[in-house]
Amino acid sequence: EKSVNVLSPFFKRGDLSNFIEDNVNTDEFLLSDKVLSKYGRILDVVQSSSARSCCFTKAYGQYYERTGSVLQQAGDIDAAYKAAEEIERNTTNKIETQSSTIVNSSEELDGTSGNSPKAEGNCSEAGGNSPEDAGNSPEAAGNGPEMAGDENETAMAVAKCLSVLKMRFFTPREIARLLGFPEDFDLGGSATSTKQKYRTLGNSLNVNVVAI
């Protein structure tokens, strides 16, 4: 208790807004559309009004699952994720329908070729049937790129839904504050990359906890 009293002047209390940098260009810390579309569901999202965050690891900024929280700066998170889920659901239904159509078409082709004496009796004659069969391939194979196109469009649409939240990584200085480092603690300045700062801070403990 005595240690806590001695250190109390150094404690920052309250929600995350007390740790957020005011005069900093946060654009470089925004999550890319690729990250949003691929990892949007596993992110730990917090707001400036939140009273907690996940532990920050040295992999923060490089990996996205259980490496630290990201900060939502705008928008309605429930509405954004609901819209993203609806887009994914519609795409899944469409792909399942296309896959069913391809399977049915393939079964029909197999049934036709299976009844062909030429296909069974003579290799060259069977080969002669290939152009006809191959003629059906572009139609069936065409569904592959189409489905891939649907998935790409879905990823872009999901990213667009989530981008309104303006989610970003915490800056190294903000993480240092959350870990209890004093404001004048030197993080290396411009000579040290953001990645290096994350790695260094990710190996730290809260200094106030250690002091106690």
N, C-alpha and C. Protein backbone atom coordinates (compact mmCIF):
# COMPACT_ATOMS: atom_id res chain seq x y z
N GLU A 1 0.83 -1.21 0.00
CA GLU A 1 0.00 0.00 0.00
C GLU A 1 0.86 1.26 0.00
N LYS A 2 1.96 1.24 0.76
CA LYS A 2 2.85 2.39 0.83
C LYS A 2 3.46 2.66 -0.55
N SER A 3 3.84 1.58 -1.24
CA SER A 3 4.41 1.72 -2.58
C SER A 3 3.41 2.35 -3.53
N VAL A 4 2.15 1.92 -3.43
CA VAL A 4 1.10 2.46 -4.29
C VAL A 4 0.93 3.95 -4.02
N ASN A 5 0.95 4.34 -2.78
CA ASN A 5 0.79 5.76 -2.44
C ASN A 5 1.94 6.59 -2.98
N VAL A 6 3.14 6.04 -2.90
CA VAL A 6 4.30 6.76 -3.40
C VAL A 6 4.24 6.95 -4.91
N LEU A 7 3.74 5.93 -5.61
CA LEU A 7 3.69 5.96 -7.07
C LEU A 7 2.43 6.60 -7.64
N SER A 8 1.46 6.84 -6.79
CA SER A 8 0.16 7.35 -7.27
C SER A 8 0.26 8.60 -8.14
N PRO A 9 1.19 9.52 -7.87
CA PRO A 9 1.29 10.70 -8.74
C PRO A 9 1.64 10.36 -10.19
N PHE A 10 2.22 9.18 -10.40
CA PHE A 10 2.64 8.80 -11.74
C PHE A 10 1.59 7.99 -12.48
N PHE A 11 0.55 7.60 -11.78
CA PHE A 11 -0.49 6.80 -12.40
C PHE A 11 -1.39 7.67 -13.28
N LYS A 12 -1.75 7.10 -14.43
CA LYS A 12 -2.78 7.73 -15.26
C LYS A 12 -4.03 6.88 -15.11
N ARG A 13 -5.12 7.53 -14.76
CA ARG A 13 -6.36 6.80 -14.51
C ARG A 13 -7.42 7.20 -15.53
N GLY A 14 -8.49 6.40 -15.55
CA GLY A 14 -9.61 6.73 -16.42
C GLY A 14 -9.60 5.92 -17.70
N ASP A 15 -10.32 6.41 -18.70
CA ASP A 15 -10.43 5.65 -19.95
C ASP A 15 -9.23 5.91 -20.86
N LEU A 16 -9.27 5.27 -22.02
CA LEU A 16 -8.13 5.34 -22.94
C LEU A 16 -7.88 6.74 -23.50
N SER A 17 -8.88 7.60 -23.44
CA SER A 17 -8.70 8.96 -23.96
C SER A 17 -7.56 9.68 -23.24
N ASN A 18 -7.26 9.27 -22.01
CA ASN A 18 -6.18 9.89 -21.26
C ASN A 18 -4.80 9.47 -21.75
N PHE A 19 -4.77 8.47 -22.63
CA PHE A 19 -3.48 7.96 -23.12
C PHE A 19 -3.27 8.26 -24.61
N ILE A 20 -4.29 8.81 -25.27
CA ILE A 20 -4.24 9.02 -26.71
C ILE A 20 -3.47 10.30 -27.04
N GLU A 21 -2.64 10.22 -28.06
CA GLU A 21 -1.90 11.40 -28.53
C GLU A 21 -2.85 12.34 -29.25
N ASP A 22 -2.69 13.63 -28.98
CA ASP A 22 -3.55 14.64 -29.61
C ASP A 22 -2.99 15.13 -30.94
N ASN A 23 -1.74 15.52 -30.93
CA ASN A 23 -1.14 16.13 -32.12
C ASN A 23 -0.25 15.14 -32.85
N VAL A 24 -0.88 14.21 -33.52
CA VAL A 24 -0.12 13.20 -34.27
C VAL A 24 -0.92 12.83 -35.51
N ASN A 25 -0.21 12.62 -36.61
CA ASN A 25 -0.86 12.18 -37.84
C ASN A 25 -1.10 10.68 -37.75
N THR A 26 -2.34 10.31 -37.57
CA THR A 26 -2.67 8.90 -37.35
C THR A 26 -2.91 8.12 -38.65
N ASP A 27 -2.82 8.82 -39.80
CA ASP A 27 -3.09 8.14 -41.07
C ASP A 27 -2.15 6.95 -41.29
N GLU A 28 -0.89 7.08 -40.87
CA GLU A 28 0.07 6.00 -41.08
C GLU A 28 -0.22 4.78 -40.21
N PHE A 29 -1.10 4.96 -39.23
CA PHE A 29 -1.43 3.86 -38.32
C PHE A 29 -2.77 3.21 -38.67
N LEU A 30 -3.46 3.73 -39.70
CA LEU A 30 -4.75 3.16 -40.10
C LEU A 30 -4.57 1.75 -40.64
N LEU A 31 -5.55 0.90 -40.38
CA LEU A 31 -5.53 -0.46 -40.91
C LEU A 31 -5.88 -0.43 -42.39
N SER A 32 -5.14 -1.16 -43.19
CA SER A 32 -5.38 -1.19 -44.63
C SER A 32 -6.64 -1.98 -44.96
N ASP A 33 -7.15 -1.78 -46.18
CA ASP A 33 -8.33 -2.52 -46.61
C ASP A 33 -8.07 -4.03 -46.61
N LYS A 34 -6.86 -4.42 -46.96
CA LYS A 34 -6.51 -5.84 -46.97
C LYS A 34 -6.61 -6.43 -45.57
N VAL A 35 -6.11 -5.71 -44.58
CA VAL A 35 -6.18 -6.17 -43.20
C VAL A 35 -7.62 -6.23 -42.72
N LEU A 36 -8.40 -5.20 -43.06
CA LEU A 36 -9.80 -5.15 -42.63
C LEU A 36 -10.60 -6.31 -43.20
N SER A 37 -10.39 -6.61 -44.49
CA SER A 37 -11.18 -7.67 -45.13
C SER A 37 -10.78 -9.05 -44.65
N LYS A 38 -9.48 -9.23 -44.33
CA LYS A 38 -8.99 -10.56 -43.96
C LYS A 38 -9.05 -10.83 -42.46
N TYR A 39 -8.81 -9.78 -41.66
CA TYR A 39 -8.69 -9.99 -40.22
C TYR A 39 -9.72 -9.21 -39.40
N GLY A 40 -10.66 -8.58 -40.08
CA GLY A 40 -11.62 -7.73 -39.38
C GLY A 40 -12.36 -8.42 -38.25
N ARG A 41 -12.59 -9.73 -38.39
CA ARG A 41 -13.39 -10.45 -37.40
C ARG A 41 -12.61 -10.82 -36.15
N ILE A 42 -11.29 -10.81 -36.22
CA ILE A 42 -10.52 -11.26 -35.06
C ILE A 42 -9.85 -10.10 -34.32
N LEU A 43 -10.11 -8.89 -34.77
CA LEU A 43 -9.51 -7.73 -34.12
C LEU A 43 -10.16 -7.46 -32.77
N ASP A 44 -9.35 -7.03 -31.81
CA ASP A 44 -9.90 -6.55 -30.55
C ASP A 44 -10.02 -5.03 -30.67
N VAL A 45 -11.25 -4.58 -30.84
CA VAL A 45 -11.50 -3.17 -31.11
C VAL A 45 -11.92 -2.45 -29.83
N VAL A 46 -11.27 -1.34 -29.55
CA VAL A 46 -11.61 -0.51 -28.39
C VAL A 46 -11.84 0.92 -28.86
N GLN A 47 -12.53 1.68 -28.02
CA GLN A 47 -12.77 3.10 -28.29
C GLN A 47 -12.03 3.94 -27.25
N SER A 48 -11.94 5.22 -27.51
CA SER A 48 -11.25 6.11 -26.56
C SER A 48 -11.96 6.13 -25.21
N SER A 49 -13.25 5.76 -25.20
CA SER A 49 -14.00 5.73 -23.95
C SER A 49 -13.85 4.40 -23.20
N SER A 50 -13.13 3.44 -23.81
CA SER A 50 -12.94 2.14 -23.16
C SER A 50 -12.01 2.28 -21.97
N ALA A 51 -12.19 1.39 -21.01
CA ALA A 51 -11.37 1.42 -19.80
C ALA A 51 -10.35 0.29 -19.79
N ARG A 52 -10.16 -0.39 -20.92
CA ARG A 52 -9.20 -1.48 -20.97
C ARG A 52 -8.71 -1.65 -22.40
N SER A 53 -7.61 -2.39 -22.52
CA SER A 53 -7.10 -2.81 -23.83
C SER A 53 -6.43 -4.16 -23.64
N CYS A 54 -6.18 -4.86 -24.73
CA CYS A 54 -5.44 -6.10 -24.65
C CYS A 54 -3.96 -5.81 -24.44
N CYS A 55 -3.24 -6.83 -23.99
CA CYS A 55 -1.79 -6.71 -23.83
C CYS A 55 -1.15 -6.55 -25.22
N PHE A 56 -0.16 -5.68 -25.30
CA PHE A 56 0.53 -5.44 -26.57
C PHE A 56 1.79 -6.30 -26.63
N THR A 57 1.92 -7.07 -27.70
CA THR A 57 3.08 -7.94 -27.86
C THR A 57 4.04 -7.34 -28.87
N LYS A 58 5.22 -7.96 -29.00
CA LYS A 58 6.23 -7.44 -29.93
C LYS A 58 5.82 -7.64 -31.39
N ALA A 59 4.79 -8.45 -31.63
CA ALA A 59 4.30 -8.68 -32.99
C ALA A 59 3.23 -7.67 -33.40
N TYR A 60 2.92 -6.73 -32.53
CA TYR A 60 1.90 -5.73 -32.81
C TYR A 60 2.26 -4.96 -34.08
N GLY A 61 1.27 -4.76 -34.93
CA GLY A 61 1.49 -4.06 -36.20
C GLY A 61 1.87 -4.98 -37.33
N GLN A 62 2.27 -6.23 -37.01
CA GLN A 62 2.63 -7.20 -38.04
C GLN A 62 1.61 -8.34 -38.10
N TYR A 63 1.17 -8.78 -36.92
CA TYR A 63 0.13 -9.80 -36.81
C TYR A 63 -1.07 -9.17 -36.10
N TYR A 64 -2.24 -9.81 -36.24
CA TYR A 64 -3.46 -9.12 -35.85
C TYR A 64 -4.31 -9.86 -34.83
N GLU A 65 -3.96 -11.09 -34.53
CA GLU A 65 -4.74 -11.86 -33.56
C GLU A 65 -3.99 -11.93 -32.24
N ARG A 66 -4.60 -11.38 -31.19
CA ARG A 66 -4.05 -11.42 -29.83
C ARG A 66 -2.67 -10.78 -29.73
N THR A 67 -2.44 -9.72 -30.48
CA THR A 67 -1.18 -8.99 -30.36
C THR A 67 -1.38 -7.61 -29.75
N GLY A 68 -2.64 -7.22 -29.54
CA GLY A 68 -2.94 -5.91 -29.00
C GLY A 68 -4.19 -5.33 -29.63
N SER A 69 -4.80 -4.38 -28.95
CA SER A 69 -6.05 -3.79 -29.43
C SER A 69 -5.81 -2.77 -30.53
N VAL A 70 -6.87 -2.50 -31.30
CA VAL A 70 -6.85 -1.41 -32.26
C VAL A 70 -7.92 -0.40 -31.85
N LEU A 71 -7.70 0.85 -32.24
CA LEU A 71 -8.57 1.93 -31.78
C LEU A 71 -9.57 2.34 -32.85
N GLN A 72 -10.84 2.28 -32.51
CA GLN A 72 -11.91 2.77 -33.38
C GLN A 72 -12.04 4.28 -33.19
N GLN A 73 -11.98 5.03 -34.29
CA GLN A 73 -12.00 6.49 -34.20
C GLN A 73 -13.31 7.12 -34.67
N ALA A 74 -14.15 6.34 -35.35
CA ALA A 74 -15.40 6.92 -35.88
C ALA A 74 -16.40 5.81 -36.14
N GLY A 75 -17.64 6.22 -36.48
CA GLY A 75 -18.65 5.27 -36.93
C GLY A 75 -19.30 4.45 -35.83
N ASP A 76 -20.27 3.65 -36.27
CA ASP A 76 -21.03 2.74 -35.39
C ASP A 76 -20.52 1.33 -35.64
N ILE A 77 -19.84 0.77 -34.66
CA ILE A 77 -19.19 -0.53 -34.86
C ILE A 77 -20.21 -1.65 -35.08
N ASP A 78 -21.34 -1.61 -34.39
CA ASP A 78 -22.36 -2.65 -34.56
C ASP A 78 -22.94 -2.61 -35.96
N ALA A 79 -23.24 -1.41 -36.45
CA ALA A 79 -23.82 -1.26 -37.78
C ALA A 79 -22.81 -1.68 -38.86
N ALA A 80 -21.56 -1.33 -38.67
CA ALA A 80 -20.53 -1.66 -39.66
C ALA A 80 -20.33 -3.16 -39.78
N TYR A 81 -20.23 -3.84 -38.64
CA TYR A 81 -20.02 -5.29 -38.68
C TYR A 81 -21.27 -6.03 -39.16
N LYS A 82 -22.43 -5.49 -38.85
CA LYS A 82 -23.67 -6.10 -39.32
C LYS A 82 -23.76 -6.03 -40.84
N ALA A 83 -23.39 -4.89 -41.40
CA ALA A 83 -23.40 -4.72 -42.85
C ALA A 83 -22.38 -5.65 -43.51
N ALA A 84 -21.21 -5.80 -42.88
CA ALA A 84 -20.18 -6.70 -43.42
C ALA A 84 -20.65 -8.15 -43.39
N GLU A 85 -21.31 -8.54 -42.32
CA GLU A 85 -21.83 -9.91 -42.20
C GLU A 85 -22.89 -10.18 -43.27
N GLU A 86 -23.72 -9.21 -43.54
CA GLU A 86 -24.76 -9.37 -44.55
C GLU A 86 -24.15 -9.58 -45.93
N ILE A 87 -23.10 -8.83 -46.23
CA ILE A 87 -22.41 -8.97 -47.52
C ILE A 87 -21.80 -10.36 -47.63
N GLU A 88 -21.14 -10.82 -46.59
CA GLU A 88 -20.51 -12.14 -46.61
C GLU A 88 -21.56 -13.25 -46.75
N ARG A 89 -22.69 -13.08 -46.07
CA ARG A 89 -23.76 -14.08 -46.13
C ARG A 89 -24.30 -14.19 -47.55
N ASN A 90 -24.53 -13.05 -48.19
CA ASN A 90 -25.06 -13.05 -49.56
C ASN A 90 -24.09 -13.70 -50.53
N THR A 91 -22.80 -13.42 -50.34
CA THR A 91 -21.79 -14.01 -51.22
C THR A 91 -21.70 -15.51 -51.02
N THR A 92 -21.76 -15.96 -49.78
CA THR A 92 -21.72 -17.40 -49.49
C THR A 92 -22.87 -18.12 -50.15
N ASN A 93 -24.07 -17.54 -50.07
CA ASN A 93 -25.25 -18.14 -50.70
C ASN A 93 -25.08 -18.21 -52.21
N LYS A 94 -24.49 -17.16 -52.80
CA LYS A 94 -24.31 -17.12 -54.24
C LYS A 94 -23.30 -18.17 -54.68
N ILE A 95 -22.20 -18.30 -53.95
CA ILE A 95 -21.17 -19.28 -54.29
C ILE A 95 -21.71 -20.70 -54.15
N GLU A 96 -22.50 -20.95 -53.11
CA GLU A 96 -23.08 -22.28 -52.92
C GLU A 96 -24.01 -22.63 -54.08
N THR A 97 -24.75 -21.63 -54.55
CA THR A 97 -25.64 -21.86 -55.70
C THR A 97 -24.84 -22.17 -56.95
N GLN A 98 -23.75 -21.41 -57.17
CA GLN A 98 -22.90 -21.65 -58.34
C GLN A 98 -22.24 -23.02 -58.27
N SER A 99 -21.77 -23.39 -57.08
CA SER A 99 -21.13 -24.69 -56.91
C SER A 99 -22.10 -25.82 -57.19
N SER A 100 -23.33 -25.67 -56.73
CA SER A 100 -24.36 -26.68 -56.98
C SER A 100 -24.63 -26.83 -58.47
N THR A 101 -24.65 -25.70 -59.18
CA THR A 101 -24.89 -25.72 -60.62
C THR A 101 -23.76 -26.44 -61.34
N ILE A 102 -22.51 -26.18 -60.92
CA ILE A 102 -21.35 -26.84 -61.54
C ILE A 102 -21.39 -28.34 -61.30
N VAL A 103 -21.71 -28.75 -60.07
CA VAL A 103 -21.79 -30.17 -59.75
C VAL A 103 -22.86 -30.85 -60.59
N ASN A 104 -24.03 -30.24 -60.71
CA ASN A 104 -25.11 -30.82 -61.50
C ASN A 104 -24.72 -30.94 -62.97
N SER A 105 -24.05 -29.90 -63.50
CA SER A 105 -23.61 -29.94 -64.90
C SER A 105 -22.60 -31.03 -65.12
N SER A 106 -21.68 -31.20 -64.14
CA SER A 106 -20.65 -32.23 -64.24
C SER A 106 -21.28 -33.62 -64.22
N GLU A 107 -22.28 -33.81 -63.37
CA GLU A 107 -22.96 -35.10 -63.29
C GLU A 107 -23.67 -35.43 -64.60
N GLU A 108 -24.25 -34.41 -65.22
CA GLU A 108 -24.93 -34.63 -66.50
C GLU A 108 -23.95 -35.03 -67.58
N LEU A 109 -22.76 -34.35 -67.59
CA LEU A 109 -21.74 -34.70 -68.57
C LEU A 109 -21.22 -36.11 -68.34
N ASP A 110 -20.97 -36.48 -67.09
CA ASP A 110 -20.50 -37.83 -66.77
C ASP A 110 -21.51 -38.87 -67.20
N GLY A 111 -22.76 -38.58 -67.00
CA GLY A 111 -23.81 -39.53 -67.37
C GLY A 111 -23.86 -39.73 -68.86
N THR A 112 -23.62 -38.68 -69.65
CA THR A 112 -23.65 -38.78 -71.11
C THR A 112 -22.47 -39.56 -71.63
N SER A 113 -21.26 -39.20 -71.12
CA SER A 113 -20.06 -39.88 -71.60
C SER A 113 -20.04 -41.34 -71.18
N GLY A 114 -20.64 -41.64 -70.05
CA GLY A 114 -20.67 -43.03 -69.56
C GLY A 114 -21.48 -43.93 -70.46
N ASN A 115 -22.43 -43.39 -71.22
CA ASN A 115 -23.28 -44.19 -72.11
C ASN A 115 -22.70 -44.29 -73.51
N SER A 116 -21.51 -43.71 -73.72
CA SER A 116 -20.94 -43.69 -75.06
C SER A 116 -20.06 -44.91 -75.29
N PRO A 117 -20.44 -45.81 -76.24
CA PRO A 117 -19.61 -46.99 -76.54
C PRO A 117 -18.25 -46.57 -77.06
N LYS A 118 -18.21 -45.51 -77.85
CA LYS A 118 -16.95 -45.07 -78.42
C LYS A 118 -15.99 -44.65 -77.32
N ALA A 119 -16.52 -44.01 -76.31
CA ALA A 119 -15.67 -43.53 -75.23
C ALA A 119 -15.04 -44.69 -74.49
N GLU A 120 -15.80 -45.84 -74.41
CA GLU A 120 -15.29 -46.98 -73.67
C GLU A 120 -14.42 -47.86 -74.56
N GLY A 121 -14.75 -47.92 -75.86
CA GLY A 121 -14.14 -48.92 -76.72
C GLY A 121 -12.85 -48.51 -77.38
N ASN A 122 -12.60 -47.28 -77.63
CA ASN A 122 -11.46 -46.89 -78.43
C ASN A 122 -10.87 -45.60 -77.89
N CYS A 123 -9.54 -45.67 -77.61
CA CYS A 123 -8.91 -44.49 -77.02
C CYS A 123 -8.90 -43.32 -77.99
N SER A 124 -8.60 -43.61 -79.27
CA SER A 124 -8.52 -42.52 -80.23
C SER A 124 -9.89 -41.91 -80.47
N GLU A 125 -10.89 -42.81 -80.50
CA GLU A 125 -12.23 -42.29 -80.69
C GLU A 125 -12.68 -41.51 -79.47
N ALA A 126 -12.26 -42.04 -78.29
CA ALA A 126 -12.59 -41.30 -77.07
C ALA A 126 -11.94 -39.95 -77.12
N GLY A 127 -10.65 -39.95 -77.62
CA GLY A 127 -9.97 -38.66 -77.74
C GLY A 127 -10.69 -37.77 -78.70
N GLY A 128 -11.32 -38.37 -79.69
CA GLY A 128 -12.06 -37.57 -80.65
C GLY A 128 -13.24 -36.87 -80.03
N ASN A 129 -13.71 -37.40 -78.93
CA ASN A 129 -14.83 -36.76 -78.27
C ASN A 129 -14.39 -35.59 -77.39
N SER A 130 -13.06 -35.48 -77.18
CA SER A 130 -12.55 -34.47 -76.25
C SER A 130 -12.96 -33.05 -76.62
N PRO A 131 -12.85 -32.68 -77.94
CA PRO A 131 -13.24 -31.30 -78.26
C PRO A 131 -14.67 -30.99 -77.85
N GLU A 132 -15.54 -31.98 -78.02
CA GLU A 132 -16.94 -31.74 -77.65
C GLU A 132 -17.04 -31.53 -76.14
N ASP A 133 -16.32 -32.46 -75.40
CA ASP A 133 -16.33 -32.33 -73.95
C ASP A 133 -15.65 -31.06 -73.52
N ALA A 134 -14.51 -30.78 -74.21
CA ALA A 134 -13.77 -29.58 -73.85
C ALA A 134 -14.59 -28.34 -74.14
N GLY A 135 -15.46 -28.47 -75.13
CA GLY A 135 -16.31 -27.33 -75.45
C GLY A 135 -17.20 -26.94 -74.29
N ASN A 136 -17.47 -27.94 -73.44
CA ASN A 136 -18.28 -27.63 -72.27
C ASN A 136 -17.46 -27.07 -71.12
N SER A 137 -16.13 -27.27 -71.18
CA SER A 137 -15.27 -26.88 -70.07
C SER A 137 -15.26 -25.38 -69.81
N PRO A 138 -15.11 -24.54 -70.87
CA PRO A 138 -15.06 -23.10 -70.58
C PRO A 138 -16.27 -22.62 -69.81
N GLU A 139 -17.42 -23.20 -70.13
CA GLU A 139 -18.63 -22.76 -69.43
C GLU A 139 -18.55 -23.11 -67.95
N ALA A 140 -18.10 -24.38 -67.69
CA ALA A 140 -17.99 -24.81 -66.29
C ALA A 140 -16.83 -24.12 -65.60
N ALA A 141 -15.65 -24.10 -66.32
CA ALA A 141 -14.47 -23.50 -65.71
C ALA A 141 -14.65 -22.01 -65.50
N GLY A 142 -15.48 -21.43 -66.32
CA GLY A 142 -15.71 -20.00 -66.20
C GLY A 142 -16.28 -19.61 -64.86
N ASN A 143 -16.90 -20.58 -64.20
CA ASN A 143 -17.47 -20.29 -62.90
C ASN A 143 -16.39 -20.12 -61.83
N GLY A 144 -15.18 -20.73 -62.09
CA GLY A 144 -14.10 -20.59 -61.12
C GLY A 144 -13.67 -19.14 -60.96
N PRO A 145 -13.23 -18.49 -62.07
CA PRO A 145 -12.88 -17.08 -61.97
C PRO A 145 -14.03 -16.21 -61.51
N GLU A 146 -15.26 -16.60 -61.90
CA GLU A 146 -16.40 -15.81 -61.48
C GLU A 146 -16.55 -15.84 -59.97
N MET A 147 -16.39 -17.04 -59.38
CA MET A 147 -16.49 -17.15 -57.92
C MET A 147 -15.35 -16.41 -57.24
N ALA A 148 -14.14 -16.51 -57.85
CA ALA A 148 -13.00 -15.78 -57.29
C ALA A 148 -13.27 -14.28 -57.36
N GLY A 149 -13.90 -13.87 -58.46
CA GLY A 149 -14.24 -12.45 -58.59
C GLY A 149 -15.24 -12.02 -57.54
N ASP A 150 -16.20 -12.90 -57.26
CA ASP A 150 -17.20 -12.60 -56.22
C ASP A 150 -16.52 -12.44 -54.87
N GLU A 151 -15.55 -13.33 -54.60
CA GLU A 151 -14.86 -13.27 -53.31
C GLU A 151 -14.04 -11.99 -53.18
N ASN A 152 -13.39 -11.58 -54.28
CA ASN A 152 -12.62 -10.35 -54.26
C ASN A 152 -13.52 -9.13 -54.05
N GLU A 153 -14.65 -9.16 -54.74
CA GLU A 153 -15.61 -8.05 -54.58
C GLU A 153 -16.15 -8.02 -53.15
N THR A 154 -16.37 -9.19 -52.59
CA THR A 154 -16.85 -9.26 -51.20
C THR A 154 -15.82 -8.68 -50.26
N ALA A 155 -14.56 -9.06 -50.45
CA ALA A 155 -13.48 -8.56 -49.59
C ALA A 155 -13.41 -7.04 -49.65
N MET A 156 -13.55 -6.49 -50.85
CA MET A 156 -13.52 -5.03 -51.02
C MET A 156 -14.71 -4.37 -50.34
N ALA A 157 -15.88 -5.01 -50.47
CA ALA A 157 -17.09 -4.46 -49.87
C ALA A 157 -17.03 -4.51 -48.35
N VAL A 158 -16.50 -5.62 -47.82
CA VAL A 158 -16.34 -5.75 -46.36
C VAL A 158 -15.39 -4.68 -45.84
N ALA A 159 -14.27 -4.51 -46.54
CA ALA A 159 -13.29 -3.49 -46.14
C ALA A 159 -13.91 -2.10 -46.16
N LYS A 160 -14.76 -1.85 -47.15
CA LYS A 160 -15.42 -0.55 -47.24
C LYS A 160 -16.35 -0.33 -46.05
N CYS A 161 -17.07 -1.38 -45.65
CA CYS A 161 -17.97 -1.28 -44.50
C CYS A 161 -17.19 -0.95 -43.23
N LEU A 162 -16.06 -1.65 -43.04
CA LEU A 162 -15.30 -1.49 -41.81
C LEU A 162 -14.42 -0.24 -41.81
N SER A 163 -14.11 0.27 -43.01
CA SER A 163 -13.23 1.44 -43.09
C SER A 163 -13.87 2.69 -42.49
N VAL A 164 -15.20 2.71 -42.41
CA VAL A 164 -15.87 3.89 -41.84
C VAL A 164 -15.55 4.03 -40.35
N LEU A 165 -15.06 2.94 -39.74
CA LEU A 165 -14.71 2.98 -38.32
C LEU A 165 -13.36 3.63 -38.08
N LYS A 166 -12.59 3.81 -39.17
CA LYS A 166 -11.25 4.42 -39.08
C LYS A 166 -10.41 3.78 -37.97
N MET A 167 -10.35 2.46 -38.01
CA MET A 167 -9.58 1.74 -37.00
C MET A 167 -8.09 1.90 -37.27
N ARG A 168 -7.34 2.06 -36.21
CA ARG A 168 -5.89 2.24 -36.35
C ARG A 168 -5.16 1.55 -35.20
N PHE A 169 -3.88 1.36 -35.43
CA PHE A 169 -3.02 0.86 -34.37
C PHE A 169 -2.75 1.98 -33.37
N PHE A 170 -2.50 1.61 -32.13
CA PHE A 170 -2.02 2.58 -31.16
C PHE A 170 -0.60 2.98 -31.56
N THR A 171 -0.25 4.22 -31.31
CA THR A 171 1.11 4.66 -31.61
C THR A 171 2.05 4.13 -30.53
N PRO A 172 3.35 4.05 -30.82
CA PRO A 172 4.30 3.61 -29.79
C PRO A 172 4.24 4.47 -28.53
N ARG A 173 4.06 5.78 -28.67
CA ARG A 173 3.97 6.63 -27.49
C ARG A 173 2.74 6.30 -26.66
N GLU A 174 1.63 6.01 -27.30
CA GLU A 174 0.41 5.65 -26.57
C GLU A 174 0.60 4.34 -25.81
N ILE A 175 1.27 3.39 -26.43
CA ILE A 175 1.53 2.12 -25.75
C ILE A 175 2.46 2.35 -24.57
N ALA A 176 3.46 3.19 -24.76
CA ALA A 176 4.38 3.51 -23.66
C ALA A 176 3.61 4.12 -22.50
N ARG A 177 2.67 4.98 -22.79
CA ARG A 177 1.85 5.58 -21.73
C ARG A 177 1.03 4.52 -21.00
N LEU A 178 0.44 3.61 -21.77
CA LEU A 178 -0.36 2.55 -21.16
C LEU A 178 0.50 1.63 -20.28
N LEU A 179 1.77 1.54 -20.62
CA LEU A 179 2.69 0.71 -19.84
C LEU A 179 3.31 1.47 -18.68
N GLY A 180 2.94 2.74 -18.53
CA GLY A 180 3.39 3.50 -17.38
C GLY A 180 4.71 4.23 -17.56
N PHE A 181 5.26 4.24 -18.77
CA PHE A 181 6.51 4.96 -18.98
C PHE A 181 6.26 6.47 -18.90
N PRO A 182 7.19 7.21 -18.34
CA PRO A 182 7.02 8.67 -18.25
C PRO A 182 7.04 9.32 -19.63
N GLU A 183 6.49 10.51 -19.70
CA GLU A 183 6.33 11.19 -20.99
C GLU A 183 7.69 11.50 -21.64
N ASP A 184 8.71 11.68 -20.85
CA ASP A 184 10.02 12.01 -21.40
C ASP A 184 10.86 10.77 -21.71
N PHE A 185 10.26 9.59 -21.60
CA PHE A 185 10.99 8.37 -21.91
C PHE A 185 11.33 8.36 -23.40
N ASP A 186 12.58 8.15 -23.74
CA ASP A 186 13.06 8.22 -25.12
C ASP A 186 12.79 6.91 -25.85
N LEU A 187 11.98 7.00 -26.89
CA LEU A 187 11.66 5.82 -27.69
C LEU A 187 12.57 5.66 -28.91
N GLY A 188 13.53 6.56 -29.03
CA GLY A 188 14.48 6.44 -30.14
C GLY A 188 14.29 7.44 -31.25
N GLY A 189 13.18 8.18 -31.20
CA GLY A 189 12.94 9.20 -32.22
C GLY A 189 12.87 8.63 -33.63
N SER A 190 13.23 9.45 -34.60
CA SER A 190 13.14 9.06 -36.02
C SER A 190 14.20 8.02 -36.38
N ALA A 191 15.21 7.87 -35.52
CA ALA A 191 16.26 6.89 -35.80
C ALA A 191 15.78 5.46 -35.60
N THR A 192 14.68 5.32 -34.90
CA THR A 192 14.11 3.99 -34.63
C THR A 192 12.79 3.85 -35.36
N SER A 193 12.63 2.76 -36.10
CA SER A 193 11.39 2.56 -36.86
C SER A 193 10.23 2.24 -35.93
N THR A 194 9.03 2.45 -36.43
CA THR A 194 7.82 2.11 -35.66
C THR A 194 7.81 0.63 -35.31
N LYS A 195 8.23 -0.21 -36.24
CA LYS A 195 8.28 -1.65 -36.01
C LYS A 195 9.22 -1.97 -34.86
N GLN A 196 10.38 -1.32 -34.82
CA GLN A 196 11.34 -1.57 -33.74
C GLN A 196 10.78 -1.11 -32.39
N LYS A 197 10.06 0.01 -32.42
CA LYS A 197 9.47 0.51 -31.17
C LYS A 197 8.41 -0.45 -30.65
N TYR A 198 7.59 -0.98 -31.56
CA TYR A 198 6.59 -1.96 -31.14
C TYR A 198 7.26 -3.19 -30.54
N ARG A 199 8.32 -3.65 -31.16
CA ARG A 199 9.01 -4.84 -30.67
C ARG A 199 9.60 -4.60 -29.28
N THR A 200 10.14 -3.42 -29.08
CA THR A 200 10.73 -3.09 -27.78
C THR A 200 9.66 -2.98 -26.70
N LEU A 201 8.61 -2.26 -27.00
CA LEU A 201 7.54 -2.08 -26.01
C LEU A 201 6.78 -3.37 -25.76
N GLY A 202 6.70 -4.21 -26.78
CA GLY A 202 5.99 -5.48 -26.64
C GLY A 202 6.67 -6.44 -25.69
N ASN A 203 7.92 -6.19 -25.39
CA ASN A 203 8.64 -7.04 -24.45
C ASN A 203 8.65 -6.44 -23.04
N SER A 204 7.89 -5.36 -22.85
CA SER A 204 7.92 -4.65 -21.57
C SER A 204 6.77 -5.07 -20.66
N LEU A 205 6.93 -4.74 -19.39
CA LEU A 205 5.87 -4.85 -18.40
C LEU A 205 5.49 -3.45 -17.97
N ASN A 206 4.31 -3.31 -17.38
CA ASN A 206 3.94 -2.02 -16.86
C ASN A 206 4.90 -1.63 -15.73
N VAL A 207 5.58 -0.52 -15.91
CA VAL A 207 6.64 -0.17 -14.98
C VAL A 207 6.11 0.11 -13.57
N ASN A 208 4.89 0.59 -13.48
CA ASN A 208 4.31 0.85 -12.15
C ASN A 208 4.04 -0.45 -11.41
N VAL A 209 3.60 -1.45 -12.15
CA VAL A 209 3.36 -2.76 -11.54
C VAL A 209 4.68 -3.35 -11.05
N VAL A 210 5.71 -3.23 -11.88
CA VAL A 210 7.03 -3.75 -11.50
C VAL A 210 7.55 -3.03 -10.26
N ALA A 211 7.35 -1.70 -10.24
CA ALA A 211 7.84 -0.91 -9.11
C ALA A 211 7.16 -1.32 -7.79
N ILE A 212 5.88 -1.63 -7.88
CA ILE A 212 5.14 -2.05 -6.69
C ILE A 212 5.60 -3.42 -6.23
